[in-house]
């Protein structure tokens, strides 16, 4: 099946003037990552002269400097340049999983008509970094997967209704486990459900580097000088945070910004990195990606659910083999805050969670 890739493209322009050059933001992103304009050019396969031309066009559009050059010290972005890079990161963080899902759906539909090849495996999942790595590995192996990213509840409903072959679920470890299982109970009432373990992962507070406001625990979020960014209502991560707050006797309405929500962990990290919030709640990998400090508060088990009958199919067996592949397990273990000790274990839900 053909693969479809969708990436957001954005620009800025005056009503009657030229637009910001399309590749300028891409160049600025690489300057920040590489530390010099020359290295950024090499990374992008762009001539140094063309890069400078792009920078000058952007500076003319804004009437402001985008890049500072200092002999022997490489290149640094101005405040405006940094804000453009942040905007690009935020756009990608918010839209990336949505566009990946759409691309997978479109590829499946086109494949049915052009190649007459239906998807071999349909997976609905909440977005995470181990599941993303799994999809990439399966794609390299040639397994045709139709994937959809969405909320945990939506994924479980799709499995329950027969609209997918596997759905992701993440259940906190410890005192909050029983409440989470009760919350999802209506989707777990089928006897033939099986668990495919992917990872144990940490969730916690994302705060700016150095933790300038000294935020170490949930009750610190209720301080009047703290602004928070949350995940969207209905997400499993927000449900986890609400459970942690209840355990601490803290009211969500006491936290400024609690009702503001982003649709991905990376979008939360980008929001904090921009200075628009003092803290967010989510996974560790995007916190590290955006050079934020991370304070772990809870561990949870992230896994796929499928029916026992589906587990016996060749496609699902390939998925299990991939989960058990030492290279994949090593890739999961390399993710900050992820642990792959049980990755690939397949067993009945009633054995994994007798109380479910």
C-alpha atoms as a PDB file:
ATOM      1  CA  UNK A   1       0.000   0.000   0.000  1.00  0.00           C
ATOM      2  CA  UNK A   2       1.255   3.469  -0.867  1.00  0.00           C
ATOM      3  CA  UNK A   3       2.210   5.690   2.064  1.00  0.00           C
ATOM      4  CA  UNK A   4       0.780   9.199   2.363  1.00  0.00           C
ATOM      5  CA  UNK A   5       2.599  11.929   4.255  1.00  0.00           C
ATOM      6  CA  UNK A   6       0.899  15.158   5.330  1.00  0.00           C
ATOM      7  CA  UNK A   7       2.889  17.959   6.922  1.00  0.00           C
ATOM      8  CA  UNK A   8       1.626  21.410   7.920  1.00  0.00           C
ATOM      9  CA  UNK A   9       2.909  24.397   5.931  1.00  0.00           C
ATOM     10  CA  UNK A  10       2.405  27.886   7.272  1.00  0.00           C
ATOM     11  CA  UNK A  11       3.540  31.380   6.431  1.00  0.00           C
ATOM     12  CA  UNK A  12       3.144  35.046   7.407  1.00  0.00           C
ATOM     13  CA  UNK A  13       2.571  38.012   5.145  1.00  0.00           C
ATOM     14  CA  UNK A  14       1.226  41.534   4.992  1.00  0.00           C
ATOM     15  CA  UNK A  15      -2.138  41.871   3.184  1.00  0.00           C
ATOM     16  CA  UNK A  16      -0.516  43.265   0.026  1.00  0.00           C
ATOM     17  CA  UNK A  17       3.059  42.137   0.526  1.00  0.00           C
ATOM     18  CA  UNK A  18       5.258  39.091  -0.027  1.00  0.00           C
ATOM     19  CA  UNK A  19       4.931  36.026   2.153  1.00  0.00           C
ATOM     20  CA  UNK A  20       7.587  34.712   4.497  1.00  0.00           C
ATOM     21  CA  UNK A  21       9.784  32.360   2.415  1.00  0.00           C
ATOM     22  CA  UNK A  22       8.593  28.788   2.903  1.00  0.00           C
ATOM     23  CA  UNK A  23      12.030  27.375   3.777  1.00  0.00           C
ATOM     24  CA  UNK A  24      13.047  30.181   6.136  1.00  0.00           C
ATOM     25  CA  UNK A  25      11.380  28.674   9.208  1.00  0.00           C
ATOM     26  CA  UNK A  26      12.902  25.284   8.341  1.00  0.00           C
ATOM     27  CA  UNK A  27      16.299  27.013   8.206  1.00  0.00           C
ATOM     28  CA  UNK A  28      15.800  28.766  11.555  1.00  0.00           C
ATOM     29  CA  UNK A  29      14.770  25.468  13.163  1.00  0.00           C
ATOM     30  CA  UNK A  30      18.051  23.924  12.029  1.00  0.00           C
ATOM     31  CA  UNK A  31      20.098  26.944  13.136  1.00  0.00           C
ATOM     32  CA  UNK A  32      18.700  26.502  16.633  1.00  0.00           C
ATOM     33  CA  UNK A  33      19.365  22.759  16.539  1.00  0.00           C
ATOM     34  CA  UNK A  34      22.851  22.894  14.962  1.00  0.00           C
ATOM     35  CA  UNK A  35      24.187  26.104  16.522  1.00  0.00           C
ATOM     36  CA  UNK A  36      25.411  27.677  13.277  1.00  0.00           C
ATOM     37  CA  UNK A  37      24.083  28.817   9.921  1.00  0.00           C
ATOM     38  CA  UNK A  38      26.718  26.793   8.059  1.00  0.00           C
ATOM     39  CA  UNK A  39      25.762  23.554   9.831  1.00  0.00           C
ATOM     40  CA  UNK A  40      22.092  24.289   9.201  1.00  0.00           C
ATOM     41  CA  UNK A  41      22.834  24.687   5.478  1.00  0.00           C
ATOM     42  CA  UNK A  42      24.702  21.382   5.404  1.00  0.00           C
ATOM     43  CA  UNK A  43      21.815  19.666   7.177  1.00  0.00           C
ATOM     44  CA  UNK A  44      19.297  21.005   4.647  1.00  0.00           C
ATOM     45  CA  UNK A  45      21.465  20.698   1.526  1.00  0.00           C
ATOM     46  CA  UNK A  46      21.168  24.466   1.015  1.00  0.00           C
ATOM     47  CA  UNK A  47      23.830  26.879  -0.190  1.00  0.00           C
ATOM     48  CA  UNK A  48      25.131  29.429   2.299  1.00  0.00           C
ATOM     49  CA  UNK A  49      24.276  32.255  -0.106  1.00  0.00           C
ATOM     50  CA  UNK A  50      20.681  31.075  -0.496  1.00  0.00           C
ATOM     51  CA  UNK A  51      20.339  30.775   3.279  1.00  0.00           C
ATOM     52  CA  UNK A  52      21.448  34.344   3.795  1.00  0.00           C
ATOM     53  CA  UNK A  53      19.050  35.470   1.084  1.00  0.00           C
ATOM     54  CA  UNK A  54      16.179  33.784   2.956  1.00  0.00           C
ATOM     55  CA  UNK A  55      17.217  35.428   6.230  1.00  0.00           C
ATOM     56  CA  UNK A  56      17.382  38.870   4.591  1.00  0.00           C
ATOM     57  CA  UNK A  57      13.940  38.411   3.037  1.00  0.00           C
ATOM     58  CA  UNK A  58      12.500  37.507   6.421  1.00  0.00           C
ATOM     59  CA  UNK A  59      14.180  40.430   8.169  1.00  0.00           C
ATOM     60  CA  UNK A  60      12.870  42.798   5.477  1.00  0.00           C
ATOM     61  CA  UNK A  61       9.341  41.446   5.981  1.00  0.00           C
ATOM     62  CA  UNK A  62       9.441  41.995   9.754  1.00  0.00           C
ATOM     63  CA  UNK A  63      11.773  44.970   9.856  1.00  0.00           C
ATOM     64  CA  UNK A  64      13.649  43.142  12.594  1.00  0.00           C
ATOM     65  CA  UNK A  65      16.691  40.902  13.045  1.00  0.00           C
ATOM     66  CA  UNK A  66      16.240  37.129  12.922  1.00  0.00           C
ATOM     67  CA  UNK A  67      19.822  35.952  13.327  1.00  0.00           C
ATOM     68  CA  UNK A  68      22.879  37.073  15.310  1.00  0.00           C
ATOM     69  CA  UNK A  69      26.300  36.101  13.988  1.00  0.00           C
ATOM     70  CA  UNK A  70      29.377  36.231  16.209  1.00  0.00           C
ATOM     71  CA  UNK A  71      32.830  35.232  15.007  1.00  0.00           C
ATOM     72  CA  UNK A  72      33.948  32.029  16.672  1.00  0.00           C
ATOM     73  CA  UNK A  73      30.598  31.523  18.421  1.00  0.00           C
ATOM     74  CA  UNK A  74      28.346  30.395  15.611  1.00  0.00           C
ATOM     75  CA  UNK A  75      24.827  31.698  15.056  1.00  0.00           C
ATOM     76  CA  UNK A  76      22.062  32.450  17.517  1.00  0.00           C
ATOM     77  CA  UNK A  77      18.453  33.354  16.908  1.00  0.00           C
ATOM     78  CA  UNK A  78      17.002  36.693  17.912  1.00  0.00           C
ATOM     79  CA  UNK A  79      13.902  36.767  20.098  1.00  0.00           C
ATOM     80  CA  UNK A  80      11.803  36.977  16.921  1.00  0.00           C
ATOM     81  CA  UNK A  81      13.667  34.053  15.347  1.00  0.00           C
ATOM     82  CA  UNK A  82      13.116  31.959  18.468  1.00  0.00           C
ATOM     83  CA  UNK A  83       9.405  32.782  18.436  1.00  0.00           C
ATOM     84  CA  UNK A  84       9.091  31.646  14.805  1.00  0.00           C
ATOM     85  CA  UNK A  85      10.824  28.365  15.656  1.00  0.00           C
ATOM     86  CA  UNK A  86       8.560  27.913  18.675  1.00  0.00           C
ATOM     87  CA  UNK A  87       5.501  28.518  16.477  1.00  0.00           C
ATOM     88  CA  UNK A  88       6.667  25.819  14.070  1.00  0.00           C
ATOM     89  CA  UNK A  89       7.271  23.367  16.917  1.00  0.00           C
ATOM     90  CA  UNK A  90       3.847  24.074  18.367  1.00  0.00           C
ATOM     91  CA  UNK A  91       2.069  23.628  15.046  1.00  0.00           C
ATOM     92  CA  UNK A  92       3.823  20.292  14.480  1.00  0.00           C
ATOM     93  CA  UNK A  93       3.241  19.135  18.060  1.00  0.00           C
ATOM     94  CA  UNK A  94      -0.484  19.885  17.937  1.00  0.00           C
ATOM     95  CA  UNK A  95      -1.242  18.713  14.400  1.00  0.00           C
ATOM     96  CA  UNK A  96       1.295  15.937  13.804  1.00  0.00           C
ATOM     97  CA  UNK A  97      -0.673  12.997  15.271  1.00  0.00           C
ATOM     98  CA  UNK A  98      -3.925  14.252  13.713  1.00  0.00           C
ATOM     99  CA  UNK A  99      -2.334  14.461  10.273  1.00  0.00           C
ATOM    100  CA  UNK A 100      -0.670  11.065  10.682  1.00  0.00           C
ATOM    101  CA  UNK A 101      -4.074   9.546  11.434  1.00  0.00           C
ATOM    102  CA  UNK A 102      -5.627  11.246   8.426  1.00  0.00           C
ATOM    103  CA  UNK A 103      -2.778  10.117   6.179  1.00  0.00           C
ATOM    104  CA  UNK A 104      -3.230   6.519   7.316  1.00  0.00           C
ATOM    105  CA  UNK A 105      -6.986   6.632   6.668  1.00  0.00           C
ATOM    106  CA  UNK A 106      -6.511   8.149   3.198  1.00  0.00           C
ATOM    107  CA  UNK A 107      -3.821   5.623   2.275  1.00  0.00           C
ATOM    108  CA  UNK A 108      -6.118   2.776   3.312  1.00  0.00           C
ATOM    109  CA  UNK A 109      -9.046   4.092   1.247  1.00  0.00           C
ATOM    110  CA  UNK A 110      -6.900   4.763  -1.830  1.00  0.00           C
ATOM    111  CA  UNK A 111      -5.253   1.362  -1.418  1.00  0.00           C
ATOM    112  CA  UNK A 112      -8.633  -0.350  -1.498  1.00  0.00           C
ATOM    113  CA  UNK A 113      -9.376   1.219  -4.889  1.00  0.00           C
ATOM    114  CA  UNK A 114      -5.975   1.296  -6.567  1.00  0.00           C
ATOM    115  CA  UNK A 115      -4.247  -1.761  -5.174  1.00  0.00           C
ATOM    116  CA  UNK A 116      -7.302  -3.626  -3.879  1.00  0.00           C
ATOM    117  CA  UNK A 117      -5.340  -4.266  -0.664  1.00  0.00           C
ATOM    118  CA  UNK A 118      -7.359  -3.768   2.530  1.00  0.00           C
ATOM    119  CA  UNK A 119      -5.498  -2.804   5.720  1.00  0.00           C
ATOM    120  CA  UNK A 120      -4.084  -5.892   7.382  1.00  0.00           C
ATOM    121  CA  UNK A 121      -4.296  -4.361  10.855  1.00  0.00           C
ATOM    122  CA  UNK A 122      -6.442  -1.537  12.268  1.00  0.00           C
ATOM    123  CA  UNK A 123      -5.135   0.097  15.442  1.00  0.00           C
ATOM    124  CA  UNK A 124      -6.742   2.956  17.375  1.00  0.00           C
ATOM    125  CA  UNK A 125      -4.525   4.523  20.039  1.00  0.00           C
ATOM    126  CA  UNK A 126      -3.924   7.512  22.218  1.00  0.00           C
ATOM    127  CA  UNK A 127      -0.753   9.161  20.948  1.00  0.00           C
ATOM    128  CA  UNK A 128       2.450   8.122  22.660  1.00  0.00           C
ATOM    129  CA  UNK A 129       6.098   7.661  21.792  1.00  0.00           C
ATOM    130  CA  UNK A 130       6.365   3.884  22.115  1.00  0.00           C
ATOM    131  CA  UNK A 131       3.275   3.321  19.956  1.00  0.00           C
ATOM    132  CA  UNK A 132       4.676   5.732  17.375  1.00  0.00           C
ATOM    133  CA  UNK A 133       7.913   3.726  17.299  1.00  0.00           C
ATOM    134  CA  UNK A 134       5.868   0.529  16.903  1.00  0.00           C
ATOM    135  CA  UNK A 135       3.996   1.903  13.889  1.00  0.00           C
ATOM    136  CA  UNK A 136       7.269   2.982  12.286  1.00  0.00           C
ATOM    137  CA  UNK A 137       8.786  -0.467  12.800  1.00  0.00           C
ATOM    138  CA  UNK A 138       5.731  -2.240  11.393  1.00  0.00           C
ATOM    139  CA  UNK A 139       5.778   0.077   8.385  1.00  0.00           C
ATOM    140  CA  UNK A 140       9.413  -0.770   7.687  1.00  0.00           C
ATOM    141  CA  UNK A 141       8.435  -4.439   7.736  1.00  0.00           C
ATOM    142  CA  UNK A 142       5.756  -3.819   5.128  1.00  0.00           C
ATOM    143  CA  UNK A 143       2.779  -4.532   7.366  1.00  0.00           C
ATOM    144  CA  UNK A 144      -0.231  -2.510   6.197  1.00  0.00           C
ATOM    145  CA  UNK A 145      -1.562  -0.729   9.292  1.00  0.00           C
ATOM    146  CA  UNK A 146      -4.471   1.696   9.437  1.00  0.00           C
ATOM    147  CA  UNK A 147      -3.832   3.776  12.538  1.00  0.00           C
ATOM    148  CA  UNK A 148      -5.973   6.380  14.209  1.00  0.00           C
ATOM    149  CA  UNK A 149      -4.864   8.568  17.086  1.00  0.00           C
ATOM    150  CA  UNK A 150      -7.539   9.769  19.490  1.00  0.00           C
ATOM    151  CA  UNK A 151      -8.661   9.589  23.084  1.00  0.00           C
ATOM    152  CA  UNK A 152      -8.410   6.393  25.113  1.00  0.00           C
ATOM    153  CA  UNK A 153     -12.200   6.203  25.354  1.00  0.00           C
ATOM    154  CA  UNK A 154     -12.610   6.539  21.577  1.00  0.00           C
ATOM    155  CA  UNK A 155     -10.078   3.763  21.001  1.00  0.00           C
ATOM    156  CA  UNK A 156     -11.801   1.407  23.449  1.00  0.00           C
ATOM    157  CA  UNK A 157     -15.207   2.175  21.936  1.00  0.00           C
ATOM    158  CA  UNK A 158     -13.857   1.327  18.468  1.00  0.00           C
ATOM    159  CA  UNK A 159     -12.566  -2.045  19.706  1.00  0.00           C
ATOM    160  CA  UNK A 160     -15.843  -2.733  21.490  1.00  0.00           C
ATOM    161  CA  UNK A 161     -17.819  -1.971  18.312  1.00  0.00           C
ATOM    162  CA  UNK A 162     -15.537  -3.997  16.029  1.00  0.00           C
ATOM    163  CA  UNK A 163     -14.149  -0.934  14.225  1.00  0.00           C
ATOM    164  CA  UNK A 164     -10.520  -1.809  14.974  1.00  0.00           C
ATOM    165  CA  UNK A 165      -8.388  -4.845  15.744  1.00  0.00           C
ATOM    166  CA  UNK A 166      -6.463  -3.366  18.674  1.00  0.00           C
ATOM    167  CA  UNK A 167      -6.875  -0.353  20.951  1.00  0.00           C
ATOM    168  CA  UNK A 168      -4.474   1.269  23.375  1.00  0.00           C
ATOM    169  CA  UNK A 169      -5.111   1.749  27.073  1.00  0.00           C
ATOM    170  CA  UNK A 170      -2.976   3.224  29.839  1.00  0.00           C
ATOM    171  CA  UNK A 171      -3.719   2.341  33.457  1.00  0.00           C
ATOM    172  CA  UNK A 172      -1.908   3.949  36.406  1.00  0.00           C
ATOM    173  CA  UNK A 173       0.003   1.734  38.774  1.00  0.00           C
ATOM    174  CA  UNK A 174      -0.699   1.908  42.490  1.00  0.00           C
ATOM    175  CA  UNK A 175      -3.692   3.383  44.325  1.00  0.00           C
ATOM    176  CA  UNK A 176      -5.322   4.897  41.224  1.00  0.00           C
ATOM    177  CA  UNK A 177      -5.452   1.610  39.309  1.00  0.00           C
ATOM    178  CA  UNK A 178      -8.867   0.496  40.613  1.00  0.00           C
ATOM    179  CA  UNK A 179     -10.511   3.833  39.809  1.00  0.00           C
ATOM    180  CA  UNK A 180      -9.113   3.775  36.265  1.00  0.00           C
ATOM    181  CA  UNK A 181     -10.385   0.250  35.630  1.00  0.00           C
ATOM    182  CA  UNK A 182     -13.808   1.266  36.947  1.00  0.00           C
ATOM    183  CA  UNK A 183     -13.782   4.320  34.670  1.00  0.00           C
ATOM    184  CA  UNK A 184     -13.236   2.158  31.578  1.00  0.00           C
ATOM    185  CA  UNK A 185     -15.307  -0.819  32.791  1.00  0.00           C
ATOM    186  CA  UNK A 186     -18.064  -0.479  30.193  1.00  0.00           C
ATOM    187  CA  UNK A 187     -15.514  -1.185  27.451  1.00  0.00           C
ATOM    188  CA  UNK A 188     -13.843  -4.059  29.322  1.00  0.00           C
ATOM    189  CA  UNK A 189     -16.863  -6.306  29.876  1.00  0.00           C
ATOM    190  CA  UNK A 190     -15.918  -8.828  27.174  1.00  0.00           C
ATOM    191  CA  UNK A 191     -14.327 -12.037  28.412  1.00  0.00           C
ATOM    192  CA  UNK A 192     -12.028 -12.631  25.429  1.00  0.00           C
ATOM    193  CA  UNK A 193      -9.903  -9.461  25.720  1.00  0.00           C
ATOM    194  CA  UNK A 194      -6.127  -9.872  25.720  1.00  0.00           C
ATOM    195  CA  UNK A 195      -3.385  -7.485  26.843  1.00  0.00           C
ATOM    196  CA  UNK A 196      -0.285  -6.822  24.727  1.00  0.00           C
ATOM    197  CA  UNK A 197       2.179  -5.016  26.979  1.00  0.00           C
ATOM    198  CA  UNK A 198       4.151  -2.175  25.402  1.00  0.00           C
ATOM    199  CA  UNK A 199       5.773  -0.218  28.244  1.00  0.00           C
ATOM    200  CA  UNK A 200       5.579   1.248  31.708  1.00  0.00           C
ATOM    201  CA  UNK A 201       5.967   5.000  31.416  1.00  0.00           C
ATOM    202  CA  UNK A 202       6.138   8.017  33.706  1.00  0.00           C
ATOM    203  CA  UNK A 203       3.882  11.058  33.707  1.00  0.00           C
ATOM    204  CA  UNK A 204       4.594  14.216  35.621  1.00  0.00           C
ATOM    205  CA  UNK A 205       5.080  17.955  35.620  1.00  0.00           C
ATOM    206  CA  UNK A 206       6.872  19.722  32.782  1.00  0.00           C
ATOM    207  CA  UNK A 207       8.460  22.980  33.945  1.00  0.00           C
ATOM    208  CA  UNK A 208      10.968  25.414  32.396  1.00  0.00           C
ATOM    209  CA  UNK A 209      14.652  24.541  32.711  1.00  0.00           C
ATOM    210  CA  UNK A 210      15.896  25.273  36.199  1.00  0.00           C
ATOM    211  CA  UNK A 211      12.330  25.192  37.566  1.00  0.00           C
ATOM    212  CA  UNK A 212      12.269  28.961  38.221  1.00  0.00           C
ATOM    213  CA  UNK A 213       8.999  28.865  40.189  1.00  0.00           C
ATOM    214  CA  UNK A 214      10.093  25.909  42.322  1.00  0.00           C
ATOM    215  CA  UNK A 215       7.180  23.640  41.418  1.00  0.00           C
ATOM    216  CA  UNK A 216       7.764  20.219  42.949  1.00  0.00           C
ATOM    217  CA  UNK A 217       4.311  18.823  43.732  1.00  0.00           C
ATOM    218  CA  UNK A 218       0.722  19.187  42.622  1.00  0.00           C
ATOM    219  CA  UNK A 219      -0.270  21.579  45.391  1.00  0.00           C
ATOM    220  CA  UNK A 220       2.270  24.068  44.016  1.00  0.00           C
ATOM    221  CA  UNK A 221       0.045  24.426  40.934  1.00  0.00           C
ATOM    222  CA  UNK A 222      -2.615  26.144  43.066  1.00  0.00           C
ATOM    223  CA  UNK A 223      -0.343  29.088  43.865  1.00  0.00           C
ATOM    224  CA  UNK A 224      -1.714  32.376  42.478  1.00  0.00           C
ATOM    225  CA  UNK A 225       1.465  33.096  40.505  1.00  0.00           C
ATOM    226  CA  UNK A 226       1.351  29.808  38.565  1.00  0.00           C
ATOM    227  CA  UNK A 227      -0.297  29.293  35.166  1.00  0.00           C
ATOM    228  CA  UNK A 228      -0.948  25.726  34.003  1.00  0.00           C
ATOM    229  CA  UNK A 229      -1.599  24.009  30.659  1.00  0.00           C
ATOM    230  CA  UNK A 230      -3.550  20.738  30.669  1.00  0.00           C
ATOM    231  CA  UNK A 231      -4.376  17.960  28.207  1.00  0.00           C
ATOM    232  CA  UNK A 232      -7.791  18.065  26.571  1.00  0.00           C
ATOM    233  CA  UNK A 233     -10.942  16.962  28.384  1.00  0.00           C
ATOM    234  CA  UNK A 234     -11.578  13.244  27.886  1.00  0.00           C
ATOM    235  CA  UNK A 235      -7.916  12.302  27.500  1.00  0.00           C
ATOM    236  CA  UNK A 236      -6.457   9.531  29.650  1.00  0.00           C
ATOM    237  CA  UNK A 237      -3.706  11.846  30.852  1.00  0.00           C
ATOM    238  CA  UNK A 238      -6.195  14.416  32.105  1.00  0.00           C
ATOM    239  CA  UNK A 239      -8.144  11.634  33.825  1.00  0.00           C
ATOM    240  CA  UNK A 240      -4.915  10.546  35.544  1.00  0.00           C
ATOM    241  CA  UNK A 241      -4.196  14.099  36.707  1.00  0.00           C
ATOM    242  CA  UNK A 242      -7.723  14.485  38.069  1.00  0.00           C
ATOM    243  CA  UNK A 243      -7.236  11.277  40.065  1.00  0.00           C
ATOM    244  CA  UNK A 244      -3.934  12.523  41.473  1.00  0.00           C
ATOM    245  CA  UNK A 245      -5.591  15.794  42.506  1.00  0.00           C
ATOM    246  CA  UNK A 246      -8.434  13.967  44.247  1.00  0.00           C
ATOM    247  CA  UNK A 247      -5.919  11.876  46.158  1.00  0.00           C
ATOM    248  CA  UNK A 248      -4.268  15.082  47.364  1.00  0.00           C
ATOM    249  CA  UNK A 249      -7.580  16.754  48.226  1.00  0.00           C
ATOM    250  CA  UNK A 250      -6.959  19.482  45.624  1.00  0.00           C
ATOM    251  CA  UNK A 251      -9.738  21.092  43.581  1.00  0.00           C
ATOM    252  CA  UNK A 252      -9.038  21.484  39.824  1.00  0.00           C
ATOM    253  CA  UNK A 253     -10.704  24.897  39.813  1.00  0.00           C
ATOM    254  CA  UNK A 254      -7.982  26.135  42.184  1.00  0.00           C
ATOM    255  CA  UNK A 255      -5.436  25.747  39.373  1.00  0.00           C
ATOM    256  CA  UNK A 256      -5.261  28.668  36.928  1.00  0.00           C
ATOM    257  CA  UNK A 257      -5.443  27.268  33.397  1.00  0.00           C
ATOM    258  CA  UNK A 258      -6.717  23.818  34.320  1.00  0.00           C
ATOM    259  CA  UNK A 259      -9.488  24.021  31.701  1.00  0.00           C
ATOM    260  CA  UNK A 260      -7.060  24.951  28.921  1.00  0.00           C
ATOM    261  CA  UNK A 261      -6.138  21.806  27.003  1.00  0.00           C
ATOM    262  CA  UNK A 262      -3.750  20.716  24.266  1.00  0.00           C
ATOM    263  CA  UNK A 263      -4.251  17.567  22.197  1.00  0.00           C
ATOM    264  CA  UNK A 264      -0.771  16.033  22.466  1.00  0.00           C
ATOM    265  CA  UNK A 265       1.976  15.723  25.065  1.00  0.00           C
ATOM    266  CA  UNK A 266       4.350  17.527  22.711  1.00  0.00           C
ATOM    267  CA  UNK A 267       1.925  20.444  22.353  1.00  0.00           C
ATOM    268  CA  UNK A 268       1.822  20.786  26.154  1.00  0.00           C
ATOM    269  CA  UNK A 269       5.631  20.836  26.245  1.00  0.00           C
ATOM    270  CA  UNK A 270       5.776  23.436  23.466  1.00  0.00           C
ATOM    271  CA  UNK A 271       3.283  25.605  25.354  1.00  0.00           C
ATOM    272  CA  UNK A 272       5.452  25.562  28.476  1.00  0.00           C
ATOM    273  CA  UNK A 273       8.657  26.076  26.484  1.00  0.00           C
ATOM    274  CA  UNK A 274       7.163  29.206  24.925  1.00  0.00           C
ATOM    275  CA  UNK A 275       6.645  30.803  28.343  1.00  0.00           C
ATOM    276  CA  UNK A 276       2.856  30.793  27.976  1.00  0.00           C
ATOM    277  CA  UNK A 277       2.500  28.513  31.016  1.00  0.00           C
ATOM    278  CA  UNK A 278       4.632  27.751  34.055  1.00  0.00           C
ATOM    279  CA  UNK A 279       3.842  24.040  34.063  1.00  0.00           C
ATOM    280  CA  UNK A 280       2.100  21.271  32.166  1.00  0.00           C
ATOM    281  CA  UNK A 281       1.367  17.620  32.820  1.00  0.00           C
ATOM    282  CA  UNK A 282       2.385  14.792  30.528  1.00  0.00           C
ATOM    283  CA  UNK A 283       5.097  12.394  29.386  1.00  0.00           C
ATOM    284  CA  UNK A 284       8.849  12.817  29.770  1.00  0.00           C
ATOM    285  CA  UNK A 285      10.111  12.537  26.130  1.00  0.00           C
ATOM    286  CA  UNK A 286       8.617  15.833  24.894  1.00  0.00           C
ATOM    287  CA  UNK A 287       9.778  17.580  28.072  1.00  0.00           C
ATOM    288  CA  UNK A 288      13.341  16.542  27.234  1.00  0.00           C
ATOM    289  CA  UNK A 289      12.831  17.422  23.564  1.00  0.00           C
ATOM    290  CA  UNK A 290      11.898  20.988  24.494  1.00  0.00           C
ATOM    291  CA  UNK A 291      14.673  21.201  27.122  1.00  0.00           C
ATOM    292  CA  UNK A 292      12.259  21.367  30.054  1.00  0.00           C
ATOM    293  CA  UNK A 293      12.720  19.915  33.521  1.00  0.00           C
ATOM    294  CA  UNK A 294      10.520  16.949  34.374  1.00  0.00           C
ATOM    295  CA  UNK A 295       9.158  15.972  37.804  1.00  0.00           C
ATOM    296  CA  UNK A 296       7.718  12.418  37.759  1.00  0.00           C
ATOM    297  CA  UNK A 297       4.464  11.966  39.682  1.00  0.00           C
ATOM    298  CA  UNK A 298       2.942   8.694  38.463  1.00  0.00           C
ATOM    299  CA  UNK A 299       3.771   5.528  36.550  1.00  0.00           C
ATOM    300  CA  UNK A 300       1.311   3.824  34.254  1.00  0.00           C
ATOM    301  CA  UNK A 301       1.167   0.755  32.105  1.00  0.00           C
ATOM    302  CA  UNK A 302       0.604   1.402  28.387  1.00  0.00           C
ATOM    303  CA  UNK A 303      -0.640  -1.551  26.358  1.00  0.00           C
ATOM    304  CA  UNK A 304      -2.821  -2.706  23.492  1.00  0.00           C
ATOM    305  CA  UNK A 305      -6.074  -4.588  23.927  1.00  0.00           C
ATOM    306  CA  UNK A 306      -7.317  -7.068  21.328  1.00  0.00           C
ATOM    307  CA  UNK A 307      -9.688 -10.010  21.160  1.00  0.00           C
ATOM    308  CA  UNK A 308      -8.261 -13.500  21.560  1.00  0.00           C
ATOM    309  CA  UNK A 309      -9.572 -14.462  18.114  1.00  0.00           C
ATOM    310  CA  UNK A 310      -7.684 -11.555  16.540  1.00  0.00           C
ATOM    311  CA  UNK A 311      -4.488 -12.452  18.383  1.00  0.00           C
ATOM    312  CA  UNK A 312      -4.233 -15.631  16.314  1.00  0.00           C
ATOM    313  CA  UNK A 313      -4.139 -13.815  12.946  1.00  0.00           C
ATOM    314  CA  UNK A 314      -0.835 -13.545  11.043  1.00  0.00           C
ATOM    315  CA  UNK A 315      -0.870  -9.735  11.244  1.00  0.00           C
ATOM    316  CA  UNK A 316      -1.324  -9.706  15.012  1.00  0.00           C
ATOM    317  CA  UNK A 317       1.361 -12.355  15.403  1.00  0.00           C
ATOM    318  CA  UNK A 318       3.698 -10.083  13.411  1.00  0.00           C
ATOM    319  CA  UNK A 319       2.852  -7.239  15.781  1.00  0.00           C
ATOM    320  CA  UNK A 320       3.651  -9.425  18.806  1.00  0.00           C
ATOM    321  CA  UNK A 321       6.932 -10.520  17.221  1.00  0.00           C
ATOM    322  CA  UNK A 322       7.858  -6.876  16.666  1.00  0.00           C
ATOM    323  CA  UNK A 323       7.067  -6.012  20.280  1.00  0.00           C
ATOM    324  CA  UNK A 324       9.342  -8.849  21.394  1.00  0.00           C
ATOM    325  CA  UNK A 325      12.166  -7.916  19.031  1.00  0.00           C
ATOM    326  CA  UNK A 326      15.230  -6.933  21.138  1.00  0.00           C
ATOM    327  CA  UNK A 327      15.845  -3.941  18.862  1.00  0.00           C
ATOM    328  CA  UNK A 328      12.338  -2.600  19.449  1.00  0.00           C
ATOM    329  CA  UNK A 329      12.556  -3.206  23.188  1.00  0.00           C
ATOM    330  CA  UNK A 330      15.862  -1.320  23.242  1.00  0.00           C
ATOM    331  CA  UNK A 331      14.248   1.576  21.356  1.00  0.00           C
ATOM    332  CA  UNK A 332      11.445   1.750  23.934  1.00  0.00           C
ATOM    333  CA  UNK A 333      13.920   1.593  26.826  1.00  0.00           C
ATOM    334  CA  UNK A 334      15.838   4.488  25.269  1.00  0.00           C
ATOM    335  CA  UNK A 335      12.792   6.764  25.555  1.00  0.00           C
ATOM    336  CA  UNK A 336      13.059   8.968  28.668  1.00  0.00           C
ATOM    337  CA  UNK A 337      10.741   7.691  31.382  1.00  0.00           C
ATOM    338  CA  UNK A 338       9.881   4.439  29.551  1.00  0.00           C
ATOM    339  CA  UNK A 339      10.631   0.906  30.752  1.00  0.00           C
ATOM    340  CA  UNK A 340      10.341  -2.120  28.462  1.00  0.00           C
ATOM    341  CA  UNK A 341      10.703  -5.027  30.894  1.00  0.00           C
ATOM    342  CA  UNK A 342       7.414  -6.709  29.855  1.00  0.00           C
ATOM    343  CA  UNK A 343       7.167  -5.444  26.282  1.00  0.00           C
ATOM    344  CA  UNK A 344       5.555  -8.093  24.078  1.00  0.00           C
ATOM    345  CA  UNK A 345       3.885 -10.102  26.831  1.00  0.00           C
ATOM    346  CA  UNK A 346       0.452 -11.307  25.647  1.00  0.00           C
ATOM    347  CA  UNK A 347      -2.054 -12.527  28.220  1.00  0.00           C
ATOM    348  CA  UNK A 348      -5.765 -12.372  29.096  1.00  0.00           C
ATOM    349  CA  UNK A 349      -7.069  -9.126  30.533  1.00  0.00           C
ATOM    350  CA  UNK A 350      -8.633 -11.019  33.451  1.00  0.00           C
ATOM    351  CA  UNK A 351      -5.185 -12.303  34.442  1.00  0.00           C
ATOM    352  CA  UNK A 352      -3.497  -8.928  33.997  1.00  0.00           C
ATOM    353  CA  UNK A 353      -6.287  -7.188  35.941  1.00  0.00           C
ATOM    354  CA  UNK A 354      -8.432  -9.696  37.889  1.00  0.00           C
ATOM    355  CA  UNK A 355     -10.531  -6.851  39.276  1.00  0.00           C
ATOM    356  CA  UNK A 356     -11.493  -5.543  35.803  1.00  0.00           C
END
